[in-house]
């Protein structure tokens, strides 16, 4: 999915909205996979029930921190690596989600500037 060049016309609103839907879908898919990794890791490595694993993975993914104590060294290793991954994943997914809107804003500024 490429963006239009600055020398091209602004994308029509209908196509722009579809671009937002596409980028939102990519973002949700990536976040769902990331959350799934966390849930599986907390469930199997820290012996947490599924709902507690979901809470812990959700809290780590959004940068809030874990809820339940870690029971063993493998869970601690997983939590450390998942926290590092989550910090990068969450910020990257926000960037992907916002990229169509930021691009359109900058593209519109460039068009408006060249008309003066």
Protein backbone atom coordinates (compact mmCIF):
# COMPACT_ATOMS: atom_id res chain seq x y z
CA UNK A 1 0.00 0.00 0.00
CA UNK A 2 1.70 3.09 -1.24
CA UNK A 3 0.84 6.70 -0.66
CA UNK A 4 0.41 9.13 -3.51
CA UNK A 5 3.39 11.29 -4.48
CA UNK A 6 3.34 14.93 -3.45
CA UNK A 7 2.99 15.96 -7.09
CA UNK A 8 -0.23 13.93 -7.44
CA UNK A 9 -3.72 15.11 -6.53
CA UNK A 10 -5.16 14.51 -3.09
CA UNK A 11 -6.81 11.09 -2.80
CA UNK A 12 -10.63 11.26 -3.02
CA UNK A 13 -12.36 10.94 0.37
CA UNK A 14 -13.92 7.57 -0.45
CA UNK A 15 -10.53 6.02 -1.26
CA UNK A 16 -9.00 7.75 1.75
CA UNK A 17 -11.61 6.19 4.04
CA UNK A 18 -10.85 2.76 2.58
CA UNK A 19 -7.16 3.40 3.23
CA UNK A 20 -8.02 4.13 6.86
CA UNK A 21 -10.03 0.89 7.06
CA UNK A 22 -7.10 -1.07 5.60
CA UNK A 23 -4.53 0.43 7.96
CA UNK A 24 -6.89 -0.02 10.92
CA UNK A 25 -7.32 -3.69 9.99
CA UNK A 26 -3.56 -4.18 9.80
CA UNK A 27 -3.16 -2.47 13.18
CA UNK A 28 -5.87 -4.56 14.85
CA UNK A 29 -4.46 -7.77 13.39
CA UNK A 30 -0.96 -6.95 14.62
CA UNK A 31 -2.20 -5.99 18.09
CA UNK A 32 -4.35 -9.14 18.27
CA UNK A 33 -1.37 -11.34 17.41
CA UNK A 34 0.78 -9.48 19.94
CA UNK A 35 -1.86 -9.89 22.62
CA UNK A 36 -2.22 -13.58 21.74
CA UNK A 37 1.52 -14.12 22.22
CA UNK A 38 1.28 -12.54 25.65
CA UNK A 39 -1.77 -14.52 26.69
CA UNK A 40 -0.15 -17.80 25.66
CA UNK A 41 3.10 -16.93 27.38
CA UNK A 42 1.49 -15.93 30.67
CA UNK A 43 -0.87 -18.91 30.61
CA UNK A 44 1.74 -21.59 29.90
CA UNK A 45 4.87 -20.12 31.49
CA UNK A 46 3.33 -18.53 34.59
CA UNK A 47 0.47 -21.02 35.06
CA UNK A 48 -2.21 -18.31 35.04
CA UNK A 49 -5.85 -18.96 34.15
CA UNK A 50 -6.79 -17.64 30.69
CA UNK A 51 -8.56 -14.53 31.99
CA UNK A 52 -5.63 -13.59 34.24
CA UNK A 53 -3.21 -14.20 31.37
CA UNK A 54 -5.33 -11.88 29.22
CA UNK A 55 -5.30 -9.17 31.89
CA UNK A 56 -1.53 -9.39 32.32
CA UNK A 57 -0.83 -9.41 28.59
CA UNK A 58 -3.19 -6.47 28.04
CA UNK A 59 -1.60 -4.46 30.81
CA UNK A 60 1.92 -5.10 29.53
CA UNK A 61 0.98 -4.41 25.90
CA UNK A 62 -0.43 -1.00 26.79
CA UNK A 63 2.49 -0.12 29.06
CA UNK A 64 0.68 -0.37 32.40
CA UNK A 65 2.67 -3.21 33.94
CA UNK A 66 1.90 -6.73 35.17
CA UNK A 67 -0.87 -7.55 37.63
CA UNK A 68 0.08 -10.99 38.96
CA UNK A 69 3.46 -11.95 40.43
CA UNK A 70 5.75 -14.08 38.29
CA UNK A 71 6.16 -17.60 39.67
CA UNK A 72 9.37 -18.84 38.06
CA UNK A 73 12.42 -17.76 36.09
CA UNK A 74 11.00 -18.73 32.69
CA UNK A 75 7.98 -16.52 33.36
CA UNK A 76 10.32 -13.68 34.33
CA UNK A 77 12.32 -14.09 31.12
CA UNK A 78 9.14 -14.15 29.08
CA UNK A 79 7.72 -11.08 30.85
CA UNK A 80 10.94 -9.15 30.27
CA UNK A 81 11.09 -9.96 26.58
CA UNK A 82 7.36 -9.43 26.12
CA UNK A 83 7.55 -6.03 27.80
CA UNK A 84 10.35 -4.91 25.46
CA UNK A 85 8.47 -6.26 22.44
CA UNK A 86 5.22 -4.66 23.62
CA UNK A 87 6.74 -1.21 23.97
CA UNK A 88 7.93 -1.30 20.39
CA UNK A 89 4.83 -3.07 19.05
CA UNK A 90 2.31 -0.69 20.60
CA UNK A 91 4.10 2.45 19.44
CA UNK A 92 4.62 0.99 15.97
CA UNK A 93 0.97 0.06 15.67
CA UNK A 94 -0.05 3.61 16.61
CA UNK A 95 2.28 4.92 13.89
CA UNK A 96 0.77 2.56 11.31
CA UNK A 97 -2.76 3.52 12.36
CA UNK A 98 -2.06 7.27 12.14
CA UNK A 99 0.04 7.22 8.96
CA UNK A 100 -2.83 7.72 6.46
CA UNK A 101 -4.14 10.72 8.37
CA UNK A 102 -0.72 12.29 8.86
CA UNK A 103 0.12 11.72 5.20
CA UNK A 104 -3.13 13.32 4.05
CA UNK A 105 -2.56 16.31 6.33
CA UNK A 106 0.99 16.84 5.06
CA UNK A 107 -0.06 16.24 1.45
CA UNK A 108 -2.84 18.83 1.78
CA UNK A 109 -0.39 21.33 3.28
CA UNK A 110 1.96 20.78 0.37
CA UNK A 111 -0.85 21.29 -2.17
CA UNK A 112 -2.06 24.44 -0.39
CA UNK A 113 1.49 25.79 -0.25
CA UNK A 114 2.14 25.22 -3.96
CA UNK A 115 -1.09 27.08 -4.86
CA UNK A 116 0.15 30.34 -3.26
